[in-house]
C-alpha atoms as a PDB file:
ATOM      1  CA  MET A   1      15.063   8.596  -4.946  1.00  0.00           C
ATOM      2  CA  ASN A   2      15.594   5.278  -2.977  1.00  0.00           C
ATOM      3  CA  ASP A   3      16.368   1.866  -5.105  1.00  0.00           C
ATOM      4  CA  SER A   4      12.800   0.613  -4.807  1.00  0.00           C
ATOM      5  CA  SER A   5      14.343  -3.062  -4.855  1.00  0.00           C
ATOM      6  CA  ARG A   6      15.710  -2.932  -1.565  1.00  0.00           C
ATOM      7  CA  LEU A   7      12.481  -1.495  -0.169  1.00  0.00           C
ATOM      8  CA  TYR A   8       9.444  -3.440  -2.063  1.00  0.00           C
ATOM      9  CA  GLU A   9       9.449  -7.102  -3.420  1.00  0.00           C
ATOM     10  CA  THR A  10       6.483  -7.258  -5.943  1.00  0.00           C
ATOM     11  CA  GLN A  11       5.267 -10.080  -7.882  1.00  0.00           C
ATOM     12  CA  THR A  12       2.557 -11.032 -10.356  1.00  0.00           C
ATOM     13  CA  ALA A  13      -0.039 -13.829 -10.577  1.00  0.00           C
ATOM     14  CA  ASP A  14      -2.743 -14.236 -12.787  1.00  0.00           C
ATOM     15  CA  ASP A  15      -4.210 -10.935 -12.849  1.00  0.00           C
ATOM     16  CA  VAL A  16      -2.619  -9.537  -9.015  1.00  0.00           C
ATOM     17  CA  PHE A  17       0.189  -7.324  -8.799  1.00  0.00           C
ATOM     18  CA  VAL A  18       1.240  -8.115  -5.105  1.00  0.00           C
ATOM     19  CA  ILE A  19       3.791  -5.192  -3.357  1.00  0.00           C
ATOM     20  CA  ARG A  20       4.917  -5.766  -0.222  1.00  0.00           C
ATOM     21  CA  PHE A  21       6.635  -3.444   1.972  1.00  0.00           C
ATOM     22  CA  LYS A  22      10.674  -4.880   2.789  1.00  0.00           C
ATOM     23  CA  LEU A  23      11.107  -2.262   5.907  1.00  0.00           C
ATOM     24  CA  GLU A  24       9.141  -1.546   9.105  1.00  0.00           C
ATOM     25  CA  GLY A  25       9.065   2.024   9.129  1.00  0.00           C
ATOM     26  CA  MET A  26       8.378   2.692   5.807  1.00  0.00           C
ATOM     27  CA  LEU A  27       4.758   3.974   6.136  1.00  0.00           C
ATOM     28  CA  GLU A  28       6.044   6.742   9.240  1.00  0.00           C
ATOM     29  CA  THR A  29       4.908  10.449   8.743  1.00  0.00           C
ATOM     30  CA  ASP A  30       8.126  11.586   7.347  1.00  0.00           C
ATOM     31  CA  GLN A  31       8.492   9.438   4.601  1.00  0.00           C
ATOM     32  CA  VAL A  32       4.497   8.879   3.497  1.00  0.00           C
ATOM     33  CA  LYS A  33       5.340  11.704   0.706  1.00  0.00           C
ATOM     34  CA  VAL A  34       8.465   9.096  -1.007  1.00  0.00           C
ATOM     35  CA  ARG A  35       6.286   6.006  -0.547  1.00  0.00           C
ATOM     36  CA  GLU A  36       3.219   7.900  -2.836  1.00  0.00           C
ATOM     37  CA  ASP A  37       5.640   8.334  -5.585  1.00  0.00           C
ATOM     38  CA  GLU A  38       7.944   5.357  -5.089  1.00  0.00           C
ATOM     39  CA  LEU A  39       3.967   3.146  -5.461  1.00  0.00           C
ATOM     40  CA  GLY A  40       2.426   5.393  -7.980  1.00  0.00           C
ATOM     41  CA  GLU A  41       5.745   4.395 -10.171  1.00  0.00           C
ATOM     42  CA  LEU A  42       4.982   0.643  -9.356  1.00  0.00           C
ATOM     43  CA  PHE A  43       1.116   0.981  -9.541  1.00  0.00           C
ATOM     44  CA  ASP A  44       2.281   2.825 -13.182  1.00  0.00           C
ATOM     45  CA  THR A  45       4.292  -0.730 -14.400  1.00  0.00           C
ATOM     46  CA  THR A  46       1.800  -2.923 -13.764  1.00  0.00           C
ATOM     47  CA  ASP A  47      -1.516  -3.844 -16.237  1.00  0.00           C
ATOM     48  CA  CYS A  48      -3.189  -6.151 -13.934  1.00  0.00           C
ATOM     49  CA  SER A  49      -6.861  -5.507 -12.585  1.00  0.00           C
ATOM     50  CA  ARG A  50      -5.689  -5.795  -8.690  1.00  0.00           C
ATOM     51  CA  ILE A  51      -3.317  -4.110  -7.079  1.00  0.00           C
ATOM     52  CA  VAL A  52      -2.249  -5.922  -3.414  1.00  0.00           C
ATOM     53  CA  LEU A  53      -0.503  -3.829  -0.482  1.00  0.00           C
ATOM     54  CA  ASP A  54       1.192  -6.786   1.821  1.00  0.00           C
ATOM     55  CA  PHE A  55       1.240  -5.016   5.229  1.00  0.00           C
ATOM     56  CA  SER A  56       3.325  -7.841   6.805  1.00  0.00           C
ATOM     57  CA  VAL A  57       5.819  -6.047   8.200  1.00  0.00           C
ATOM     58  CA  ILE A  58       4.394  -3.116   9.045  1.00  0.00           C
ATOM     59  CA  SER A  59       3.115  -2.504  12.880  1.00  0.00           C
ATOM     60  CA  PHE A  60       2.272   0.767  13.064  1.00  0.00           C
ATOM     61  CA  LEU A  61      -0.045   3.246  10.587  1.00  0.00           C
ATOM     62  CA  ASN A  62      -0.743   7.051  11.953  1.00  0.00           C
ATOM     63  CA  SER A  63      -3.235   9.472   9.903  1.00  0.00           C
ATOM     64  CA  THR A  64      -0.562  10.393   7.272  1.00  0.00           C
ATOM     65  CA  GLY A  65      -0.178   6.883   6.810  1.00  0.00           C
ATOM     66  CA  LEU A  66      -4.188   6.459   6.386  1.00  0.00           C
ATOM     67  CA  SER A  67      -3.903  10.272   4.115  1.00  0.00           C
ATOM     68  CA  LEU A  68      -1.199   8.025   1.763  1.00  0.00           C
ATOM     69  CA  LEU A  69      -3.813   5.046   1.633  1.00  0.00           C
ATOM     70  CA  ILE A  70      -7.030   7.462   0.341  1.00  0.00           C
ATOM     71  CA  THR A  71      -4.580   8.427  -2.063  1.00  0.00           C
ATOM     72  CA  LEU A  72      -3.274   5.347  -3.427  1.00  0.00           C
ATOM     73  CA  MET A  73      -6.765   4.010  -3.875  1.00  0.00           C
ATOM     74  CA  ARG A  74      -7.903   6.523  -6.141  1.00  0.00           C
ATOM     75  CA  ARG A  75      -5.031   6.228  -8.399  1.00  0.00           C
ATOM     76  CA  ALA A  76      -6.275   2.658  -8.575  1.00  0.00           C
ATOM     77  CA  LYS A  77     -10.097   3.301  -9.574  1.00  0.00           C
ATOM     78  CA  ALA A  78      -8.739   6.143 -11.712  1.00  0.00           C
ATOM     79  CA  ASN A  79      -7.276   3.247 -14.067  1.00  0.00           C
ATOM     80  CA  LYS A  80     -10.328   0.961 -13.679  1.00  0.00           C
ATOM     81  CA  ARG A  81      -8.079  -1.309 -10.504  1.00  0.00           C
ATOM     82  CA  THR A  82      -8.855  -2.299  -7.300  1.00  0.00           C
ATOM     83  CA  LEU A  83      -6.709  -1.994  -3.820  1.00  0.00           C
ATOM     84  CA  GLU A  84      -6.579  -4.838  -1.435  1.00  0.00           C
ATOM     85  CA  LEU A  85      -4.507  -5.290   2.006  1.00  0.00           C
ATOM     86  CA  CYS A  86      -2.987  -8.243   3.070  1.00  0.00           C
ATOM     87  CA  GLY A  87      -0.680  -9.390   6.009  1.00  0.00           C
ATOM     88  CA  LEU A  88      -2.354  -6.982   8.409  1.00  0.00           C
ATOM     89  CA  GLN A  89      -1.508  -7.007  11.686  1.00  0.00           C
ATOM     90  CA  PRO A  90      -3.810  -6.745  14.884  1.00  0.00           C
ATOM     91  CA  GLN A  91      -3.172  -2.900  15.541  1.00  0.00           C
ATOM     92  CA  ILE A  92      -3.736  -1.915  12.013  1.00  0.00           C
ATOM     93  CA  GLU A  93      -6.735  -3.516  11.530  1.00  0.00           C
ATOM     94  CA  GLU A  94      -7.975  -2.365  14.503  1.00  0.00           C
ATOM     95  CA  VAL A  95      -6.743   1.371  13.252  1.00  0.00           C
ATOM     96  CA  LEU A  96      -8.666   0.352  10.031  1.00  0.00           C
ATOM     97  CA  LYS A  97     -11.741  -0.778  12.017  1.00  0.00           C
ATOM     98  CA  ILE A  98     -11.958   2.371  14.466  1.00  0.00           C
ATOM     99  CA  THR A  99     -11.747   4.563  11.180  1.00  0.00           C
ATOM    100  CA  GLN A 100     -14.340   2.806   9.270  1.00  0.00           C
ATOM    101  CA  PHE A 101     -11.126   1.980   6.004  1.00  0.00           C
ATOM    102  CA  HIS A 102     -11.947  -1.310   6.750  1.00  0.00           C
ATOM    103  CA  LYS A 103     -15.432  -1.222   4.582  1.00  0.00           C
ATOM    104  CA  LEU A 104     -12.765   0.592   1.548  1.00  0.00           C
ATOM    105  CA  PHE A 105     -10.129  -2.183   1.173  1.00  0.00           C
END
């Protein structure tokens, strides 16, 4: 498994756990399963009720990445947490609107 500390920055403030992606290509199709496992582990390390994924460096999101978001949202809800997105670039916001995912996050 990759060293998560070089792929993500995490920060906790009050009851919010922020996971910041550090590399642009982290959600490419061939990386999504690895990200699912790594992010799941990060989700499990926090007691915060709100988890925020910071997409500031992500400029591309395809159907595989959208599937990952649904999986992570379900995992968060199963643990009585909310999942939120921040730092969305305009093209990511557009994908979320076209697919109606913006209503979920």
